Protein backbone atom coordinates (compact mmCIF):
# COMPACT_ATOMS: atom_id res chain seq x y z
CA MET A 1 -3.17 13.80 13.29
CA SER A 2 -5.08 14.22 16.59
CA TYR A 3 -8.76 15.08 16.86
CA ALA A 4 -7.82 18.53 18.18
CA GLN A 5 -5.72 19.12 15.07
CA LEU A 6 -8.60 17.98 12.89
CA GLU A 7 -10.80 20.75 14.24
CA THR A 8 -8.36 23.39 12.96
CA TYR A 9 -7.30 21.56 9.82
CA GLU A 10 -7.39 23.65 6.63
CA PRO A 11 -7.37 21.69 3.35
CA LYS A 12 -4.71 22.65 0.81
CA ARG A 13 -5.94 25.00 -1.87
CA VAL A 14 -5.47 23.74 -5.42
CA PRO A 15 -4.25 26.61 -7.65
CA ASN A 16 -6.11 27.33 -10.86
CA PRO A 17 -4.25 26.25 -13.98
CA ARG A 18 -2.37 29.11 -15.66
CA LEU A 19 -1.13 29.83 -19.13
CA LYS A 20 2.54 30.55 -19.77
CA THR A 21 1.66 34.24 -19.67
CA GLY A 22 0.65 33.84 -16.02
CA LEU A 23 -3.01 34.71 -16.69
CA ILE A 24 -5.62 32.51 -15.04
CA ARG A 25 -7.29 30.23 -17.58
CA LYS A 26 -10.88 29.34 -16.77
CA ARG A 27 -11.56 25.64 -16.99
CA GLN A 28 -14.34 24.86 -19.47
CA PRO A 29 -17.30 22.67 -18.40
CA GLU A 30 -16.40 19.99 -20.96
CA ARG A 31 -12.90 19.71 -19.48
CA PRO A 32 -13.07 17.67 -16.24
CA ALA A 33 -11.32 19.13 -13.23
CA TRP A 34 -9.17 16.04 -12.69
CA ILE A 35 -7.16 16.72 -15.87
CA PRO A 36 -3.84 18.38 -14.92
CA SER A 37 -3.20 21.87 -16.29
CA HIS A 38 -0.09 20.79 -18.22
CA ILE A 39 -2.23 18.49 -20.44
CA THR A 40 -3.48 20.92 -23.08
CA GLU A 41 -4.69 18.56 -25.83
CA ASN A 42 -5.79 14.99 -26.43
CA TRP A 43 -6.75 14.72 -22.77
CA ASP A 44 -8.50 11.64 -21.46
CA THR A 45 -11.99 12.07 -19.93
CA ASP A 46 -11.82 8.71 -18.16
CA PRO A 47 -12.36 9.48 -14.43
CA PHE A 48 -9.55 7.07 -13.55
CA ALA A 49 -7.04 8.97 -15.69
CA TYR A 50 -4.37 11.22 -14.18
CA GLN A 51 -4.72 10.01 -10.61
CA THR A 52 -2.32 11.54 -8.14
CA GLU A 53 -1.01 9.64 -5.12
CA GLU A 54 -3.62 11.31 -2.89
CA GLU A 55 -6.48 10.36 -5.22
CA LEU A 56 -5.62 6.68 -5.51
CA MET A 57 -8.29 4.36 -4.13
CA ARG A 58 -7.62 3.24 -0.57
CA GLY A 59 -7.90 -0.46 0.12
CA GLY A 60 -5.45 -1.72 2.70
CA GLY A 61 -5.12 -2.19 6.43
CA LEU A 62 -7.96 -2.20 8.90
CA TYR A 63 -9.94 0.18 6.72
CA GLY A 64 -9.97 -2.20 3.75
CA GLN A 65 -10.84 -5.22 5.88
CA PHE A 66 -13.66 -3.39 7.64
CA LEU A 67 -15.07 -2.06 4.37
CA MET A 68 -15.07 -5.57 2.89
CA ASP A 69 -16.84 -6.98 5.96
CA VAL A 70 -19.63 -4.37 5.76
CA THR A 71 -20.15 -5.03 2.05
CA ILE A 72 -20.32 -8.81 2.44
CA SER A 73 -22.66 -8.57 5.42
CA LEU A 74 -25.26 -6.52 3.51
CA ARG A 75 -24.87 -7.81 -0.05
CA TYR A 76 -27.43 -10.62 -0.16
CA TYR A 77 -29.95 -8.86 2.05
CA LEU A 78 -29.94 -5.83 -0.27
CA GLU A 79 -30.14 -7.95 -3.44
CA LYS A 80 -33.52 -9.26 -2.26
CA GLN A 81 -34.73 -5.64 -2.28
CA GLY A 82 -33.32 -4.89 -5.74
CA LEU A 83 -30.48 -2.81 -4.26
CA MET A 84 -26.71 -2.96 -4.34
CA LEU A 85 -23.68 -1.20 -2.89
CA LEU A 86 -20.94 0.14 -5.15
CA LEU A 87 -17.53 -0.05 -3.50
CA ASP A 88 -14.96 2.76 -3.99
CA THR A 89 -16.60 3.91 -7.23
CA PHE A 90 -15.96 7.39 -8.64
CA LEU A 91 -19.03 9.61 -8.28
CA ILE A 92 -18.90 12.14 -11.15
CA TYR A 93 -20.63 15.46 -10.45
CA ARG A 94 -20.64 19.07 -11.63
CA ASP A 95 -19.63 21.90 -9.34
CA SER A 96 -21.25 25.34 -9.12
CA ASN A 97 -19.39 26.34 -12.30
CA GLN A 98 -20.65 23.23 -14.11
CA ILE A 99 -17.13 21.77 -14.21
CA LYS A 100 -17.04 17.97 -13.93
CA ASN A 101 -15.40 16.69 -10.74
CA ARG A 102 -14.93 13.28 -9.17
CA ILE A 103 -15.02 11.89 -5.65
CA ALA A 104 -15.04 8.30 -4.44
CA PRO A 105 -17.39 7.61 -1.50
CA ASP A 106 -16.67 4.27 0.13
CA LEU A 107 -20.17 2.94 -0.59
CA LEU A 108 -22.99 4.13 -2.86
CA LEU A 109 -26.47 2.64 -2.47
CA ILE A 110 -28.23 2.28 -5.82
CA GLU A 111 -30.74 0.03 -7.54
CA VAL A 112 -29.30 -3.18 -8.98
CA CYS A 113 -27.69 -2.60 -12.40
CA PRO A 114 -27.39 -5.25 -15.15
CA GLU A 115 -23.68 -4.43 -15.24
CA THR A 116 -21.82 -3.01 -12.26
CA PRO A 117 -20.59 0.47 -13.33
CA TYR A 118 -16.94 1.48 -13.01
CA ASP A 119 -18.00 5.07 -12.32
CA TYR A 120 -21.29 6.76 -11.44
CA ASP A 121 -22.02 9.91 -13.46
CA LEU A 122 -24.78 12.15 -12.12
CA ASP A 123 -25.24 13.58 -15.63
CA THR A 124 -26.85 10.28 -16.67
CA ARG A 125 -27.77 8.51 -13.42
CA PRO A 126 -30.03 9.36 -10.46
CA VAL A 127 -28.54 10.56 -7.20
CA PRO A 128 -27.60 7.56 -4.99
CA ARG A 129 -30.12 6.80 -2.28
CA CYS A 130 -27.46 6.85 0.40
CA LEU A 131 -23.71 7.47 0.68
CA ILE A 132 -21.60 5.69 3.29
CA GLU A 133 -18.09 6.56 4.38
CA ILE A 134 -15.82 4.54 6.66
CA THR A 135 -13.13 6.66 8.26
CA SER A 136 -9.56 5.78 7.45
CA LEU A 137 -6.15 6.90 8.58
CA LYS A 138 -6.36 10.27 6.77
CA SER A 139 -10.06 10.82 6.16
CA HIS A 140 -11.60 11.90 9.48
CA PHE A 141 -11.95 15.59 8.70
CA LYS A 142 -13.16 14.94 5.15
CA ASP A 143 -15.68 12.26 6.14
CA LEU A 144 -17.09 13.99 9.22
CA GLN A 145 -17.09 17.62 8.07
CA ARG A 146 -15.98 18.58 4.57
CA ASN A 147 -18.15 16.03 2.72
CA LEU A 148 -21.40 17.16 4.35
CA PRO A 149 -22.18 20.27 2.26
CA LEU A 150 -20.84 18.61 -0.89
CA TYR A 151 -22.95 15.46 -0.70
CA PHE A 152 -26.16 17.17 0.35
CA GLY A 153 -25.59 19.86 -2.26
CA LEU A 154 -25.65 17.07 -4.86
CA GLY A 155 -29.12 16.03 -3.68
CA VAL A 156 -28.15 13.06 -1.51
CA GLU A 157 -30.90 12.33 1.03
CA THR A 158 -28.87 10.31 3.56
CA TYR A 159 -25.20 10.30 4.57
CA PHE A 160 -23.88 7.70 7.02
CA VAL A 161 -20.38 7.59 8.50
CA ILE A 162 -18.86 4.62 10.31
CA ASP A 163 -16.01 6.01 12.40
CA ALA A 164 -14.01 2.81 12.68
CA VAL A 165 -10.32 3.69 12.29
CA THR A 166 -8.52 6.33 14.35
CA PRO A 167 -6.09 8.88 12.86
CA GLU A 168 -3.34 6.68 14.34
CA GLY A 169 -4.53 3.70 12.30
CA ASP A 170 -6.08 1.70 15.15
CA LEU A 171 -9.57 0.27 15.29
CA CYS A 172 -11.90 2.50 17.34
CA SER A 173 -13.25 1.05 20.55
CA PRO A 174 -16.13 1.46 20.46
CA ILE A 175 -16.87 2.18 16.83
CA GLU A 176 -18.87 5.42 16.45
CA LEU A 177 -21.75 5.96 14.02
CA HIS A 178 -22.90 9.28 12.53
CA LEU A 179 -26.04 9.85 10.45
CA TRP A 180 -27.24 12.98 8.62
CA ARG A 181 -30.45 13.45 6.64
CA LYS A 182 -31.53 16.11 4.20
CA THR A 183 -34.20 18.51 5.44
CA LYS A 184 -35.85 21.38 3.57
CA GLY A 185 -33.94 22.88 0.68
CA GLN A 186 -30.27 21.98 0.75
CA ALA A 187 -30.09 21.86 4.57
CA TYR A 188 -29.21 18.72 6.52
CA GLN A 189 -29.59 17.58 10.09
CA LYS A 190 -27.63 15.15 12.25
CA MET A 191 -29.78 12.29 13.52
CA GLY A 192 -29.39 10.33 16.73
CA PRO A 193 -29.97 6.64 17.47
CA ASP A 194 -33.25 5.22 18.77
CA ASN A 195 -33.79 4.15 22.38
CA ALA A 196 -32.09 0.81 21.68
CA GLY A 197 -29.03 2.55 20.25
CA TYR A 198 -29.72 1.73 16.59
CA PHE A 199 -29.56 4.11 13.62
CA LEU A 200 -32.41 3.71 11.14
CA LEU A 201 -31.59 3.49 7.42
CA PRO A 202 -34.98 3.05 5.73
CA GLU A 203 -33.30 3.20 2.31
CA MET A 204 -31.96 -0.29 3.05
CA ASN A 205 -34.74 -1.34 5.43
CA ILE A 206 -32.21 -1.91 8.22
CA LYS A 207 -30.99 -0.55 11.51
CA ILE A 208 -27.32 -0.45 12.47
CA GLY A 209 -25.93 -0.61 15.97
CA VAL A 210 -22.56 -1.21 17.61
CA GLN A 211 -21.17 -3.67 20.12
CA GLN A 212 -17.67 -2.36 20.87
CA GLN A 213 -15.76 -3.11 17.64
CA ARG A 214 -18.52 -4.96 15.83
CA LEU A 215 -21.40 -3.64 13.75
CA ILE A 216 -24.83 -5.18 14.28
CA PHE A 217 -27.30 -5.11 11.38
CA VAL A 218 -30.99 -5.77 12.10
CA ASP A 219 -34.07 -5.72 9.86
CA ALA A 220 -37.39 -3.98 10.52
CA THR A 221 -38.44 -6.78 12.91
CA MET A 222 -35.15 -6.42 14.85
CA LYS A 223 -33.96 -9.78 13.53
CA VAL A 224 -30.17 -9.72 13.48
CA LEU A 225 -28.65 -10.12 10.04
CA ARG A 226 -25.60 -12.31 9.78
CA ASP A 227 -22.27 -10.54 9.82
CA SER A 228 -19.41 -11.62 7.58
CA GLY A 229 -18.03 -14.11 10.10
CA GLN A 230 -21.43 -15.71 10.55
CA LEU A 231 -21.92 -15.80 6.78
CA SER A 232 -18.65 -17.72 6.35
CA GLU A 233 -19.65 -20.14 9.09
CA ALA A 234 -23.11 -20.59 7.56
CA LEU A 235 -21.62 -21.25 4.13
CA ALA A 236 -19.30 -23.89 5.60
CA GLN A 237 -22.19 -25.55 7.44
CA SER A 238 -24.29 -25.45 4.28
CA GLU A 239 -21.49 -27.14 2.32
CA GLU A 240 -21.18 -29.83 5.00
CA ARG A 241 -24.94 -30.46 4.86
CA ALA A 242 -24.85 -30.64 1.06
CA ASN A 243 -22.02 -33.17 1.16
CA ALA A 244 -23.85 -35.26 3.76
CA GLU A 245 -27.04 -35.22 1.67
CA ALA A 246 -25.06 -36.29 -1.41
CA GLN A 247 -23.51 -39.18 0.49
CA ARG A 248 -26.92 -40.31 1.78
CA ALA A 249 -28.35 -40.10 -1.72
CA GLU A 250 -25.47 -42.15 -3.10
CA ILE A 251 -25.91 -44.81 -0.42
CA ALA A 252 -29.67 -44.91 -1.03
CA PHE A 253 -29.07 -45.30 -4.76
CA GLU A 254 -26.58 -48.11 -4.21
CA ASP A 255 -29.00 -49.85 -1.82
CA GLY A 256 -31.78 -49.50 -4.38
CA GLU A 257 -29.65 -50.93 -7.16
CA GLN A 258 -28.59 -53.81 -4.88
CA ASN A 259 -32.20 -54.63 -4.05
CA LYS A 260 -33.15 -54.60 -7.73
CA ALA A 261 -30.28 -57.00 -8.55
CA LEU A 262 -31.27 -59.37 -5.75
CA GLU A 263 -34.88 -59.39 -6.91
CA THR A 264 -33.75 -60.18 -10.46
CA ALA A 265 -31.48 -62.97 -9.15
CA ARG A 266 -34.37 -64.55 -7.23
CA LYS A 267 -36.51 -64.58 -10.36
CA MET A 268 -33.68 -66.06 -12.45
CA LEU A 269 -33.06 -68.77 -9.87
CA ALA A 270 -36.76 -69.64 -9.93
CA ASP A 271 -36.55 -69.90 -13.71
CA GLY A 272 -33.66 -72.38 -13.46
CA PHE A 273 -30.67 -70.18 -14.38
CA SER A 274 -27.32 -71.21 -12.94
CA PRO A 275 -25.64 -69.01 -10.29
CA ALA A 276 -22.76 -68.28 -12.69
CA ILE A 277 -25.13 -66.86 -15.31
CA ILE A 278 -27.01 -64.86 -12.70
CA MET A 279 -23.79 -63.30 -11.31
CA LYS A 280 -22.69 -62.41 -14.84
CA TYR A 281 -25.88 -60.50 -15.72
CA THR A 282 -26.72 -58.93 -12.32
CA GLY A 283 -23.23 -58.01 -11.19
CA LEU A 284 -23.78 -59.77 -7.84
CA SER A 285 -20.90 -61.54 -6.13
CA GLU A 286 -20.84 -65.09 -4.90
CA LYS A 287 -21.22 -63.75 -1.39
CA ASP A 288 -24.37 -61.82 -2.45
CA MET A 289 -25.77 -64.97 -3.99
């Protein structure tokens, strides 16, 4: 789908479930909207139940790789602030009729939980500090337009979109960034970058910029955070340093043990012990003696 087609795209309307009589049956608040109309009893409230092909989590191609890179790049920096990102987790919310619905933003910013939740229910949890979407093959219209009133209507303060994958499935060059913030009431406003081209996300204490097809994350002092490739390289270098330190420690230990044995041998020789006895009890070789 081209960008011109996206501008005129009209989402398919989902018909209300009907009884056999043809009369419209209102869906009760305790019955989540994701339960198909043909399931009339013993329905499952699990948000992962009854997924259609369109609702299945996306995870492949450039989109999946890019999403993984963003998550890895920010994970440890956020943990130091008591924050975490939930990846492709169902956000459970109630619509204007108080019917439970589900939607899966790519990333939800929340405080660190003892156990990572499989779904995030706004009936029992606070509104996420920030929602992040990464455009995919079919999600441009939804991410850049349709989600705006929904997310801000739920009370979200910040919505950030990384436009990384074109409708044709290619990686954007350059990647485009879009940021909206909540203003008074339920209104929201699109924000631009600073003079250096970075978008401020104070919820994470970072700024995000772009260099062609690469995201650049910096902290409040403009120190560049490591991206996923740099993290992998740093981990490899750290492992090499750890191995080298272990080898040096082993050599130092062996040298120390050797020196102790030689000192013991000298004392035993001074006391008149034969070389054979000394080698037996110190472990030294004839060459060492």
